Amino acid sequence: MKKAVLILTVIFALGINGFAIDDDKKSVQTTTVKGKVVDQISGEALTGVQVKIEGTNLTAYTDFDGNFVIENVAPGNYNIQTTYISYQTNVLKEVNLNSVSNNCLKVEMKSVTSN
């Protein structure tokens, strides 16, 4: 009886490990997009700009140096929207984000008072 229980335990343990391995193979690879947002005329970094990947719930805000990072993005083509008070909303269209290349952007925003 002890041999049967031991054999069933080993088979059950191997089965669980097999499922874990299969789950790892099914995991979706993601990428990271990062960049800097600056004023179009002065080149000055803009703090607190909202950077949103349209069609997702992924959003980030720029830090004191104008830098942002958005992680866990599924590879694909996206529109990336930046919004900031007193600046025109900016949309980068069809940005190709993939897991192989360095997804680094420089976004220049135009003040609503600029000509």
PDB file of N, CA and C in Angstrom:
ATOM      1  N   MET A   1       0.811  -1.195   0.000  1.00  0.00           N
ATOM      2  CA  MET A   1       0.000   0.000   0.000  1.00  0.00           C
ATOM      3  C   MET A   1       0.858   1.265   0.000  1.00  0.00           C
ATOM      4  N   LYS A   2       1.969   1.241   0.759  1.00  0.00           N
ATOM      5  CA  LYS A   2       2.844   2.402   0.818  1.00  0.00           C
ATOM      6  C   LYS A   2       3.469   2.685  -0.543  1.00  0.00           C
ATOM      7  N   LYS A   3       3.785   1.635  -1.314  1.00  0.00           N
ATOM      8  CA  LYS A   3       4.364   1.824  -2.646  1.00  0.00           C
ATOM      9  C   LYS A   3       3.366   2.515  -3.566  1.00  0.00           C
ATOM     10  N   ALA A   4       2.096   2.122  -3.469  1.00  0.00           N
ATOM     11  CA  ALA A   4       1.068   2.719  -4.319  1.00  0.00           C
ATOM     12  C   ALA A   4       0.897   4.205  -3.993  1.00  0.00           C
ATOM     13  N   VAL A   5       0.899   4.545  -2.722  1.00  0.00           N
ATOM     14  CA  VAL A   5       0.759   5.950  -2.314  1.00  0.00           C
ATOM     15  C   VAL A   5       1.970   6.747  -2.782  1.00  0.00           C
ATOM     16  N   LEU A   6       3.166   6.174  -2.646  1.00  0.00           N
ATOM     17  CA  LEU A   6       4.385   6.846  -3.072  1.00  0.00           C
ATOM     18  C   LEU A   6       4.377   7.073  -4.579  1.00  0.00           C
ATOM     19  N   ILE A   7       3.973   6.065  -5.338  1.00  0.00           N
ATOM     20  CA  ILE A   7       3.930   6.189  -6.789  1.00  0.00           C
ATOM     21  C   ILE A   7       2.914   7.253  -7.203  1.00  0.00           C
ATOM     22  N   LEU A   8       1.722   7.258  -6.602  1.00  0.00           N
ATOM     23  CA  LEU A   8       0.712   8.262  -6.918  1.00  0.00           C
ATOM     24  C   LEU A   8       1.203   9.670  -6.549  1.00  0.00           C
ATOM     25  N   THR A   9       1.912   9.781  -5.439  1.00  0.00           N
ATOM     26  CA  THR A   9       2.446  11.083  -5.031  1.00  0.00           C
ATOM     27  C   THR A   9       3.456  11.595  -6.047  1.00  0.00           C
ATOM     28  N   VAL A  10       4.358  10.721  -6.517  1.00  0.00           N
ATOM     29  CA  VAL A  10       5.356  11.109  -7.508  1.00  0.00           C
ATOM     30  C   VAL A  10       4.679  11.501  -8.820  1.00  0.00           C
ATOM     31  N   ILE A  11       3.706  10.731  -9.267  1.00  0.00           N
ATOM     32  CA  ILE A  11       2.993  11.040 -10.508  1.00  0.00           C
ATOM     33  C   ILE A  11       2.265  12.373 -10.386  1.00  0.00           C
ATOM     34  N   PHE A  12       1.611  12.601  -9.234  1.00  0.00           N
ATOM     35  CA  PHE A  12       0.899  13.856  -9.017  1.00  0.00           C
ATOM     36  C   PHE A  12       1.869  15.043  -9.021  1.00  0.00           C
ATOM     37  N   ALA A  13       3.012  14.894  -8.358  1.00  0.00           N
ATOM     38  CA  ALA A  13       4.009  15.970  -8.313  1.00  0.00           C
ATOM     39  C   ALA A  13       4.556  16.266  -9.708  1.00  0.00           C
ATOM     40  N   LEU A  14       4.811  15.241 -10.491  1.00  0.00           N
ATOM     41  CA  LEU A  14       5.292  15.454 -11.847  1.00  0.00           C
ATOM     42  C   LEU A  14       4.234  16.144 -12.696  1.00  0.00           C
ATOM     43  N   GLY A  15       2.989  15.809 -12.471  1.00  0.00           N
ATOM     44  CA  GLY A  15       1.902  16.442 -13.216  1.00  0.00           C
ATOM     45  C   GLY A  15       1.804  17.919 -12.912  1.00  0.00           C
ATOM     46  N   ILE A  16       1.947  18.306 -11.653  1.00  0.00           N
ATOM     47  CA  ILE A  16       1.895  19.720 -11.284  1.00  0.00           C
ATOM     48  C   ILE A  16       3.046  20.470 -11.918  1.00  0.00           C
ATOM     49  N   ASN A  17       4.250  19.911 -11.870  1.00  0.00           N
ATOM     50  CA  ASN A  17       5.396  20.574 -12.482  1.00  0.00           C
ATOM     51  C   ASN A  17       5.213  20.714 -13.983  1.00  0.00           C
ATOM     52  N   GLY A  18       4.608  19.736 -14.607  1.00  0.00           N
ATOM     53  CA  GLY A  18       4.362  19.808 -16.042  1.00  0.00           C
ATOM     54  C   GLY A  18       3.449  20.967 -16.391  1.00  0.00           C
ATOM     55  N   PHE A  19       2.406  21.201 -15.574  1.00  0.00           N
ATOM     56  CA  PHE A  19       1.507  22.326 -15.818  1.00  0.00           C
ATOM     57  C   PHE A  19       2.227  23.654 -15.641  1.00  0.00           C
ATOM     58  N   ALA A  20       3.092  23.739 -14.663  1.00  0.00           N
ATOM     59  CA  ALA A  20       3.818  24.996 -14.432  1.00  0.00           C
ATOM     60  C   ALA A  20       4.713  25.323 -15.622  1.00  0.00           C
ATOM     61  N   ILE A  21       5.353  24.310 -16.183  1.00  0.00           N
ATOM     62  CA  ILE A  21       6.218  24.535 -17.333  1.00  0.00           C
ATOM     63  C   ILE A  21       5.392  25.008 -18.526  1.00  0.00           C
ATOM     64  N   ASP A  22       4.229  24.385 -18.742  1.00  0.00           N
ATOM     65  CA  ASP A  22       3.376  24.782 -19.854  1.00  0.00           C
ATOM     66  C   ASP A  22       2.906  26.225 -19.689  1.00  0.00           C
ATOM     67  N   ASP A  23       2.577  26.632 -18.464  1.00  0.00           N
ATOM     68  CA  ASP A  23       2.135  28.004 -18.228  1.00  0.00           C
ATOM     69  C   ASP A  23       3.232  28.997 -18.571  1.00  0.00           C
ATOM     70  N   ASP A  24       4.493  28.675 -18.263  1.00  0.00           N
ATOM     71  CA  ASP A  24       5.597  29.582 -18.579  1.00  0.00           C
ATOM     72  C   ASP A  24       5.737  29.772 -20.080  1.00  0.00           C
ATOM     73  N   LYS A  25       5.510  28.738 -20.851  1.00  0.00           N
ATOM     74  CA  LYS A  25       5.633  28.836 -22.300  1.00  0.00           C
ATOM     75  C   LYS A  25       4.545  29.724 -22.898  1.00  0.00           C
ATOM     76  N   LYS A  26       3.399  29.818 -22.213  1.00  0.00           N
ATOM     77  CA  LYS A  26       2.280  30.596 -22.725  1.00  0.00           C
ATOM     78  C   LYS A  26       2.358  32.071 -22.322  1.00  0.00           C
ATOM     79  N   SER A  27       3.321  32.442 -21.477  1.00  0.00           N
ATOM     80  CA  SER A  27       3.378  33.819 -21.003  1.00  0.00           C
ATOM     81  C   SER A  27       3.645  34.776 -22.172  1.00  0.00           C
ATOM     82  N   VAL A  28       3.010  35.924 -22.104  1.00  0.00           N
ATOM     83  CA  VAL A  28       3.125  36.928 -23.156  1.00  0.00           C
ATOM     84  C   VAL A  28       4.323  37.806 -22.862  1.00  0.00           C
ATOM     85  N   GLN A  29       5.171  38.020 -23.864  1.00  0.00           N
ATOM     86  CA  GLN A  29       6.298  38.914 -23.691  1.00  0.00           C
ATOM     87  C   GLN A  29       5.815  40.344 -23.799  1.00  0.00           C
ATOM     88  N   THR A  30       6.379  41.183 -22.954  1.00  0.00           N
ATOM     89  CA  THR A  30       6.029  42.595 -22.985  1.00  0.00           C
ATOM     90  C   THR A  30       7.289  43.425 -23.183  1.00  0.00           C
ATOM     91  N   THR A  31       7.082  44.704 -23.401  1.00  0.00           N
ATOM     92  CA  THR A  31       8.203  45.607 -23.600  1.00  0.00           C
ATOM     93  C   THR A  31       8.005  46.846 -22.737  1.00  0.00           C
ATOM     94  N   THR A  32       8.989  47.690 -22.733  1.00  0.00           N
ATOM     95  CA  THR A  32       8.949  48.941 -21.984  1.00  0.00           C
ATOM     96  C   THR A  32       9.174  50.088 -22.957  1.00  0.00           C
ATOM     97  N   VAL A  33       8.423  51.150 -22.776  1.00  0.00           N
ATOM     98  CA  VAL A  33       8.646  52.364 -23.563  1.00  0.00           C
ATOM     99  C   VAL A  33       9.046  53.466 -22.582  1.00  0.00           C
ATOM    100  N   LYS A  34      10.071  54.190 -22.954  1.00  0.00           N
ATOM    101  CA  LYS A  34      10.527  55.285 -22.109  1.00  0.00           C
ATOM    102  C   LYS A  34      10.868  56.472 -22.994  1.00  0.00           C
ATOM    103  N   GLY A  35      10.992  57.620 -22.381  1.00  0.00           N
ATOM    104  CA  GLY A  35      11.316  58.785 -23.178  1.00  0.00           C
ATOM    105  C   GLY A  35      11.387  60.042 -22.354  1.00  0.00           C
ATOM    106  N   LYS A  36      11.444  61.150 -23.078  1.00  0.00           N
ATOM    107  CA  LYS A  36      11.558  62.467 -22.471  1.00  0.00           C
ATOM    108  C   LYS A  36      10.628  63.409 -23.210  1.00  0.00           C
ATOM    109  N   VAL A  37       9.968  64.288 -22.447  1.00  0.00           N
ATOM    110  CA  VAL A  37       9.069  65.281 -23.026  1.00  0.00           C
ATOM    111  C   VAL A  37       9.659  66.659 -22.754  1.00  0.00           C
ATOM    112  N   VAL A  38       9.782  67.452 -23.836  1.00  0.00           N
ATOM    113  CA  VAL A  38      10.380  68.787 -23.729  1.00  0.00           C
ATOM    114  C   VAL A  38       9.516  69.816 -24.448  1.00  0.00           C
ATOM    115  N   ASP A  39       9.746  71.078 -24.112  1.00  0.00           N
ATOM    116  CA  ASP A  39       9.123  72.195 -24.812  1.00  0.00           C
ATOM    117  C   ASP A  39       9.730  72.287 -26.209  1.00  0.00           C
ATOM    118  N   GLN A  40       8.893  72.443 -27.228  1.00  0.00           N
ATOM    119  CA  GLN A  40       9.347  72.451 -28.620  1.00  0.00           C
ATOM    120  C   GLN A  40      10.315  73.590 -28.915  1.00  0.00           C
ATOM    121  N   ILE A  41      10.118  74.747 -28.321  1.00  0.00           N
ATOM    122  CA  ILE A  41      10.955  75.910 -28.630  1.00  0.00           C
ATOM    123  C   ILE A  41      12.197  75.975 -27.745  1.00  0.00           C
ATOM    124  N   SER A  42      12.012  75.879 -26.438  1.00  0.00           N
ATOM    125  CA  SER A  42      13.139  76.061 -25.518  1.00  0.00           C
ATOM    126  C   SER A  42      13.937  74.784 -25.278  1.00  0.00           C
ATOM    127  N   GLY A  43      13.317  73.624 -25.513  1.00  0.00           N
ATOM    128  CA  GLY A  43      13.979  72.353 -25.220  1.00  0.00           C
ATOM    129  C   GLY A  43      13.977  72.007 -23.747  1.00  0.00           C
ATOM    130  N   GLU A  44      13.307  72.823 -22.939  1.00  0.00           N
ATOM    131  CA  GLU A  44      13.235  72.614 -21.504  1.00  0.00           C
ATOM    132  C   GLU A  44      12.362  71.398 -21.174  1.00  0.00           C
ATOM    133  N   ALA A  45      12.816  70.588 -20.236  1.00  0.00           N
ATOM    134  CA  ALA A  45      12.057  69.410 -19.811  1.00  0.00           C
ATOM    135  C   ALA A  45      10.751  69.840 -19.170  1.00  0.00           C
ATOM    136  N   LEU A  46       9.684  69.085 -19.456  1.00  0.00           N
ATOM    137  CA  LEU A  46       8.366  69.376 -18.901  1.00  0.00           C
ATOM    138  C   LEU A  46       8.017  68.345 -17.830  1.00  0.00           C
ATOM    139  N   THR A  47       7.685  68.833 -16.654  1.00  0.00           N
ATOM    140  CA  THR A  47       7.363  67.987 -15.501  1.00  0.00           C
ATOM    141  C   THR A  47       5.855  67.809 -15.376  1.00  0.00           C
ATOM    142  N   GLY A  48       5.406  66.586 -15.140  1.00  0.00           N
ATOM    143  CA  GLY A  48       3.990  66.316 -14.907  1.00  0.00           C
ATOM    144  C   GLY A  48       3.156  66.119 -16.151  1.00  0.00           C
ATOM    145  N   VAL A  49       3.793  65.877 -17.286  1.00  0.00           N
ATOM    146  CA  VAL A  49       3.060  65.613 -18.531  1.00  0.00           C
ATOM    147  C   VAL A  49       2.455  64.211 -18.464  1.00  0.00           C
ATOM    148  N   GLN A  50       1.189  64.091 -18.845  1.00  0.00           N
ATOM    149  CA  GLN A  50       0.551  62.775 -18.917  1.00  0.00           C
ATOM    150  C   GLN A  50       0.915  62.128 -20.249  1.00  0.00           C
ATOM    151  N   VAL A  51       1.453  60.910 -20.180  1.00  0.00           N
ATOM    152  CA  VAL A  51       1.800  60.137 -21.373  1.00  0.00           C
ATOM    153  C   VAL A  51       0.919  58.888 -21.346  1.00  0.00           C
ATOM    154  N   LYS A  52       0.069  58.733 -22.365  1.00  0.00           N
ATOM    155  CA  LYS A  52      -0.898  57.640 -22.390  1.00  0.00           C
ATOM    156  C   LYS A  52      -0.773  56.863 -23.689  1.00  0.00           C
ATOM    157  N   ILE A  53      -0.814  55.555 -23.560  1.00  0.00           N
ATOM    158  CA  ILE A  53      -0.852  54.690 -24.745  1.00  0.00           C
ATOM    159  C   ILE A  53      -2.327  54.459 -25.061  1.00  0.00           C
ATOM    160  N   GLU A  54      -2.782  55.060 -26.168  1.00  0.00           N
ATOM    161  CA  GLU A  54      -4.197  54.977 -26.531  1.00  0.00           C
ATOM    162  C   GLU A  54      -4.624  53.530 -26.742  1.00  0.00           C
ATOM    163  N   GLY A  55      -5.842  53.235 -26.340  1.00  0.00           N
ATOM    164  CA  GLY A  55      -6.385  51.894 -26.485  1.00  0.00           C
ATOM    165  C   GLY A  55      -5.989  50.969 -25.342  1.00  0.00           C
ATOM    166  N   THR A  56      -5.264  51.496 -24.363  1.00  0.00           N
ATOM    167  CA  THR A  56      -4.883  50.719 -23.179  1.00  0.00           C
ATOM    168  C   THR A  56      -5.183  51.564 -21.948  1.00  0.00           C
ATOM    169  N   ASN A  57      -4.948  50.982 -20.787  1.00  0.00           N
ATOM    170  CA  ASN A  57      -5.070  51.760 -19.554  1.00  0.00           C
ATOM    171  C   ASN A  57      -3.683  52.141 -19.025  1.00  0.00           C
ATOM    172  N   LEU A  58      -2.678  52.113 -19.901  1.00  0.00           N
ATOM    173  CA  LEU A  58      -1.301  52.411 -19.512  1.00  0.00           C
ATOM    174  C   LEU A  58      -1.029  53.902 -19.615  1.00  0.00           C
ATOM    175  N   THR A  59      -0.673  54.498 -18.479  1.00  0.00           N
ATOM    176  CA  THR A  59      -0.417  55.928 -18.392  1.00  0.00           C
ATOM    177  C   THR A  59       0.755  56.160 -17.461  1.00  0.00           C
ATOM    178  N   ALA A  60       1.545  57.183 -17.768  1.00  0.00           N
ATOM    179  CA  ALA A  60       2.641  57.589 -16.885  1.00  0.00           C
ATOM    180  C   ALA A  60       2.695  59.114 -16.882  1.00  0.00           C
ATOM    181  N   TYR A  61       3.428  59.646 -15.927  1.00  0.00           N
ATOM    182  CA  TYR A  61       3.650  61.090 -15.846  1.00  0.00           C
ATOM    183  C   TYR A  61       5.142  61.345 -15.814  1.00  0.00           C
ATOM    184  N   THR A  62       5.558  62.428 -16.451  1.00  0.00           N
ATOM    185  CA  THR A  62       6.979  62.740 -16.498  1.00  0.00           C
ATOM    186  C   THR A  62       7.473  63.208 -15.132  1.00  0.00           C
ATOM    187  N   ASP A  63       8.755  62.907 -14.864  1.00  0.00           N
ATOM    188  CA  ASP A  63       9.385  63.317 -13.614  1.00  0.00           C
ATOM    189  C   ASP A  63       9.951  64.732 -13.752  1.00  0.00           C
ATOM    190  N   PHE A  64      10.758  65.158 -12.782  1.00  0.00           N
ATOM    191  CA  PHE A  64      11.302  66.522 -12.793  1.00  0.00           C
ATOM    192  C   PHE A  64      12.223  66.785 -13.982  1.00  0.00           C
ATOM    193  N   ASP A  65      12.769  65.727 -14.578  1.00  0.00           N
ATOM    194  CA  ASP A  65      13.652  65.880 -15.735  1.00  0.00           C
ATOM    195  C   ASP A  65      12.932  65.638 -17.059  1.00  0.00           C
ATOM    196  N   GLY A  66      11.600  65.481 -17.004  1.00  0.00           N
ATOM    197  CA  GLY A  66      10.814  65.247 -18.219  1.00  0.00           C
ATOM    198  C   GLY A  66      10.798  63.803 -18.684  1.00  0.00           C
ATOM    199  N   ASN A  67      11.351  62.890 -17.883  1.00  0.00           N
ATOM    200  CA  ASN A  67      11.438  61.476 -18.269  1.00  0.00           C
ATOM    201  C   ASN A  67      10.194  60.699 -17.841  1.00  0.00           C
ATOM    202  N   PHE A  68       9.850  59.692 -18.627  1.00  0.00           N
ATOM    203  CA  PHE A  68       8.750  58.783 -18.282  1.00  0.00           C
ATOM    204  C   PHE A  68       9.128  57.362 -18.655  1.00  0.00           C
ATOM    205  N   VAL A  69       8.464  56.407 -17.999  1.00  0.00           N
ATOM    206  CA  VAL A  69       8.640  54.986 -18.291  1.00  0.00           C
ATOM    207  C   VAL A  69       7.266  54.321 -18.183  1.00  0.00           C
ATOM    208  N   ILE A  70       6.926  53.524 -19.193  1.00  0.00           N
ATOM    209  CA  ILE A  70       5.712  52.696 -19.150  1.00  0.00           C
ATOM    210  C   ILE A  70       6.145  51.262 -19.393  1.00  0.00           C
ATOM    211  N   GLU A  71       5.878  50.399 -18.428  1.00  0.00           N
ATOM    212  CA  GLU A  71       6.294  48.993 -18.514  1.00  0.00           C
ATOM    213  C   GLU A  71       5.102  48.094 -18.844  1.00  0.00           C
ATOM    214  N   ASN A  72       5.418  46.863 -19.180  1.00  0.00           N
ATOM    215  CA  ASN A  72       4.430  45.812 -19.456  1.00  0.00           C
ATOM    216  C   ASN A  72       3.495  46.158 -20.610  1.00  0.00           C
ATOM    217  N   VAL A  73       4.096  46.640 -21.692  1.00  0.00           N
ATOM    218  CA  VAL A  73       3.340  46.972 -22.902  1.00  0.00           C
ATOM    219  C   VAL A  73       3.434  45.787 -23.863  1.00  0.00           C
ATOM    220  N   ALA A  74       2.296  45.304 -24.331  1.00  0.00           N
ATOM    221  CA  ALA A  74       2.301  44.250 -25.343  1.00  0.00           C
ATOM    222  C   ALA A  74       2.863  44.827 -26.636  1.00  0.00           C
ATOM    223  N   PRO A  75       3.778  44.132 -27.296  1.00  0.00           N
ATOM    224  CA  PRO A  75       4.328  44.652 -28.552  1.00  0.00           C
ATOM    225  C   PRO A  75       3.220  44.941 -29.570  1.00  0.00           C
ATOM    226  N   GLY A  76       3.418  46.008 -30.348  1.00  0.00           N
ATOM    227  CA  GLY A  76       2.432  46.373 -31.364  1.00  0.00           C
ATOM    228  C   GLY A  76       2.588  47.825 -31.766  1.00  0.00           C
ATOM    229  N   ASN A  77       1.682  48.294 -32.593  1.00  0.00           N
ATOM    230  CA  ASN A  77       1.658  49.693 -33.027  1.00  0.00           C
ATOM    231  C   ASN A  77       0.620  50.448 -32.205  1.00  0.00           C
ATOM    232  N   TYR A  78       1.030  51.592 -31.664  1.00  0.00           N
ATOM    233  CA  TYR A  78       0.155  52.366 -30.791  1.00  0.00           C
ATOM    234  C   TYR A  78       0.246  53.856 -31.113  1.00  0.00           C
ATOM    235  N   ASN A  79      -0.831  54.572 -30.789  1.00  0.00           N
ATOM    236  CA  ASN A  79      -0.791  56.023 -30.748  1.00  0.00           C
ATOM    237  C   ASN A  79      -0.447  56.399 -29.310  1.00  0.00           C
ATOM    238  N   ILE A  80       0.520  57.306 -29.157  1.00  0.00           N
ATOM    239  CA  ILE A  80       0.927  57.734 -27.828  1.00  0.00           C
ATOM    240  C   ILE A  80       0.569  59.209 -27.685  1.00  0.00           C
ATOM    241  N   GLN A  81      -0.264  59.495 -26.679  1.00  0.00           N
ATOM    242  CA  GLN A  81      -0.790  60.834 -26.485  1.00  0.00           C
ATOM    243  C   GLN A  81      -0.126  61.494 -25.275  1.00  0.00           C
ATOM    244  N   THR A  82       0.279  62.758 -25.450  1.00  0.00           N
ATOM    245  CA  THR A  82       0.802  63.536 -24.336  1.00  0.00           C
ATOM    246  C   THR A  82      -0.090  64.750 -24.122  1.00  0.00           C
ATOM    247  N   THR A  83      -0.428  65.004 -22.854  1.00  0.00           N
ATOM    248  CA  THR A  83      -1.252  66.165 -22.518  1.00  0.00           C
ATOM    249  C   THR A  83      -0.628  66.884 -21.327  1.00  0.00           C
ATOM    250  N   TYR A  84      -0.715  68.207 -21.394  1.00  0.00           N
ATOM    251  CA  TYR A  84      -0.130  69.046 -20.352  1.00  0.00           C
ATOM    252  C   TYR A  84      -0.828  70.392 -20.378  1.00  0.00           C
ATOM    253  N   ILE A  85      -1.077  70.951 -19.221  1.00  0.00           N
ATOM    254  CA  ILE A  85      -1.773  72.232 -19.136  1.00  0.00           C
ATOM    255  C   ILE A  85      -0.963  73.310 -19.862  1.00  0.00           C
ATOM    256  N   SER A  86      -1.645  74.126 -20.626  1.00  0.00           N
ATOM    257  CA  SER A  86      -1.076  75.228 -21.419  1.00  0.00           C
ATOM    258  C   SER A  86      -0.285  74.753 -22.640  1.00  0.00           C
ATOM    259  N   TYR A  87      -0.409  73.471 -22.977  1.00  0.00           N
ATOM    260  CA  TYR A  87       0.258  72.939 -24.170  1.00  0.00           C
ATOM    261  C   TYR A  87      -0.766  72.217 -25.035  1.00  0.00           C
ATOM    262  N   GLN A  88      -0.501  72.193 -26.328  1.00  0.00           N
ATOM    263  CA  GLN A  88      -1.369  71.467 -27.249  1.00  0.00           C
ATOM    264  C   GLN A  88      -1.191  69.963 -27.038  1.00  0.00           C
ATOM    265  N   THR A  89      -2.314  69.239 -27.049  1.00  0.00           N
ATOM    266  CA  THR A  89      -2.243  67.784 -26.967  1.00  0.00           C
ATOM    267  C   THR A  89      -1.466  67.275 -28.167  1.00  0.00           C
ATOM    268  N   ASN A  90      -0.583  66.337 -27.931  1.00  0.00           N
ATOM    269  CA  ASN A  90       0.284  65.809 -28.982  1.00  0.00           C
ATOM    270  C   ASN A  90       0.028  64.302 -29.099  1.00  0.00           C
ATOM    271  N   VAL A  91      -0.117  63.806 -30.323  1.00  0.00           N
ATOM    272  CA  VAL A  91      -0.316  62.377 -30.540  1.00  0.00           C
ATOM    273  C   VAL A  91       0.736  61.879 -31.530  1.00  0.00           C
ATOM    274  N   LEU A  92       1.562  60.949 -31.065  1.00  0.00           N
ATOM    275  CA  LEU A  92       2.492  60.252 -31.965  1.00  0.00           C
ATOM    276  C   LEU A  92       1.730  59.068 -32.525  1.00  0.00           C
ATOM    277  N   LYS A  93       1.565  59.026 -33.835  1.00  0.00           N
ATOM    278  CA  LYS A  93       0.721  57.994 -34.462  1.00  0.00           C
ATOM    279  C   LYS A  93       1.530  56.776 -34.887  1.00  0.00           C
ATOM    280  N   GLU A  94       0.909  55.616 -34.666  1.00  0.00           N
ATOM    281  CA  GLU A  94       1.435  54.326 -35.113  1.00  0.00           C
ATOM    282  C   GLU A  94       2.901  54.103 -34.713  1.00  0.00           C
ATOM    283  N   VAL A  95       3.184  54.307 -33.440  1.00  0.00           N
ATOM    284  CA  VAL A  95       4.528  54.057 -32.925  1.00  0.00           C
ATOM    285  C   VAL A  95       4.681  52.548 -32.752  1.00  0.00           C
ATOM    286  N   ASN A  96       5.710  51.987 -33.370  1.00  0.00           N
ATOM    287  CA  ASN A  96       5.955  50.544 -33.299  1.00  0.00           C
ATOM    288  C   ASN A  96       6.753  50.234 -32.045  1.00  0.00           C
ATOM    289  N   LEU A  97       6.091  49.590 -31.090  1.00  0.00           N
ATOM    290  CA  LEU A  97       6.753  49.158 -29.869  1.00  0.00           C
ATOM    291  C   LEU A  97       6.931  47.654 -29.950  1.00  0.00           C
ATOM    292  N   ASN A  98       8.175  47.210 -29.920  1.00  0.00           N
ATOM    293  CA  ASN A  98       8.411  45.768 -29.956  1.00  0.00           C
ATOM    294  C   ASN A  98       9.378  45.371 -28.866  1.00  0.00           C
ATOM    295  N   SER A  99       9.469  44.093 -28.624  1.00  0.00           N
ATOM    296  CA  SER A  99      10.263  43.601 -27.503  1.00  0.00           C
ATOM    297  C   SER A  99      11.749  43.523 -27.825  1.00  0.00           C
ATOM    298  N   VAL A 100      12.138  43.796 -29.056  1.00  0.00           N
ATOM    299  CA  VAL A 100      13.532  43.644 -29.448  1.00  0.00           C
ATOM    300  C   VAL A 100      14.286  44.973 -29.382  1.00  0.00           C
ATOM    301  N   SER A 101      13.685  46.024 -29.918  1.00  0.00           N
ATOM    302  CA  SER A 101      14.410  47.289 -30.020  1.00  0.00           C
ATOM    303  C   SER A 101      14.293  48.116 -28.745  1.00  0.00           C
ATOM    304  N   ASN A 102      15.100  49.147 -28.681  1.00  0.00           N
ATOM    305  CA  ASN A 102      15.061  50.086 -27.578  1.00  0.00           C
ATOM    306  C   ASN A 102      13.934  51.076 -27.852  1.00  0.00           C
ATOM    307  N   ASN A 103      12.848  50.983 -27.115  1.00  0.00           N
ATOM    308  CA  ASN A 103      11.677  51.823 -27.324  1.00  0.00           C
ATOM    309  C   ASN A 103      11.846  53.134 -26.553  1.00  0.00           C
ATOM    310  N   CYS A 104      12.583  54.056 -27.147  1.00  0.00           N
ATOM    311  CA  CYS A 104      12.889  55.322 -26.493  1.00  0.00           C
ATOM    312  C   CYS A 104      12.391  56.471 -27.372  1.00  0.00           C
ATOM    313  N   LEU A 105      11.611  57.377 -26.778  1.00  0.00           N
ATOM    314  CA  LEU A 105      10.991  58.453 -27.534  1.00  0.00           C
ATOM    315  C   LEU A 105      11.420  59.818 -27.011  1.00  0.00           C
ATOM    316  N   LYS A 106      11.463  60.791 -27.894  1.00  0.00           N
ATOM    317  CA  LYS A 106      11.606  62.191 -27.504  1.00  0.00           C
ATOM    318  C   LYS A 106      10.384  62.900 -28.048  1.00  0.00           C
ATOM    319  N   VAL A 107       9.616  63.511 -27.143  1.00  0.00           N
ATOM    320  CA  VAL A 107       8.384  64.175 -27.514  1.00  0.00           C
ATOM    321  C   VAL A 107       8.559  65.668 -27.295  1.00  0.00           C
ATOM    322  N   GLU A 108       8.268  66.449 -28.334  1.00  0.00           N
ATOM    323  CA  GLU A 108       8.314  67.895 -28.235  1.00  0.00           C
ATOM    324  C   GLU A 108       6.889  68.421 -28.220  1.00  0.00           C
ATOM    325  N   MET A 109       6.565  69.217 -27.201  1.00  0.00           N
ATOM    326  CA  MET A 109       5.211  69.761 -27.083  1.00  0.00           C
ATOM    327  C   MET A 109       5.236  71.268 -27.351  1.00  0.00           C
ATOM    328  N   LYS A 110       4.159  71.746 -27.980  1.00  0.00           N
ATOM    329  CA  LYS A 110       4.043  73.146 -28.360  1.00  0.00           C
ATOM    330  C   LYS A 110       3.081  73.864 -27.407  1.00  0.00           C
ATOM    331  N   SER A 111       3.540  74.965 -26.875  1.00  0.00           N
ATOM    332  CA  SER A 111       2.720  75.772 -25.987  1.00  0.00           C
ATOM    333  C   SER A 111       1.542  76.345 -26.763  1.00  0.00           C
ATOM    334  N   VAL A 112       0.399  76.509 -26.101  1.00  0.00           N
ATOM    335  CA  VAL A 112      -0.763  77.090 -26.785  1.00  0.00           C
ATOM    336  C   VAL A 112      -0.541  78.555 -27.100  1.00  0.00           C
ATOM    337  N   THR A 113       0.432  79.202 -26.460  1.00  0.00           N
ATOM    338  CA  THR A 113       0.724  80.612 -26.734  1.00  0.00           C
ATOM    339  C   THR A 113       1.767  80.796 -27.824  1.00  0.00           C
ATOM    340  N   SER A 114       2.390  79.664 -28.285  1.00  0.00           N
ATOM    341  CA  SER A 114       3.412  79.755 -29.350  1.00  0.00           C
ATOM    342  C   SER A 114       2.749  79.970 -30.703  1.00  0.00           C
ATOM    343  N   ASN A 115       3.447  80.655 -31.576  1.00  0.00           N
ATOM    344  CA  ASN A 115       2.923  80.859 -32.937  1.00  0.00           C
ATOM    345  C   ASN A 115       3.320  79.746 -33.842  1.00  0.00           C
TER     346      ASN A 115
END
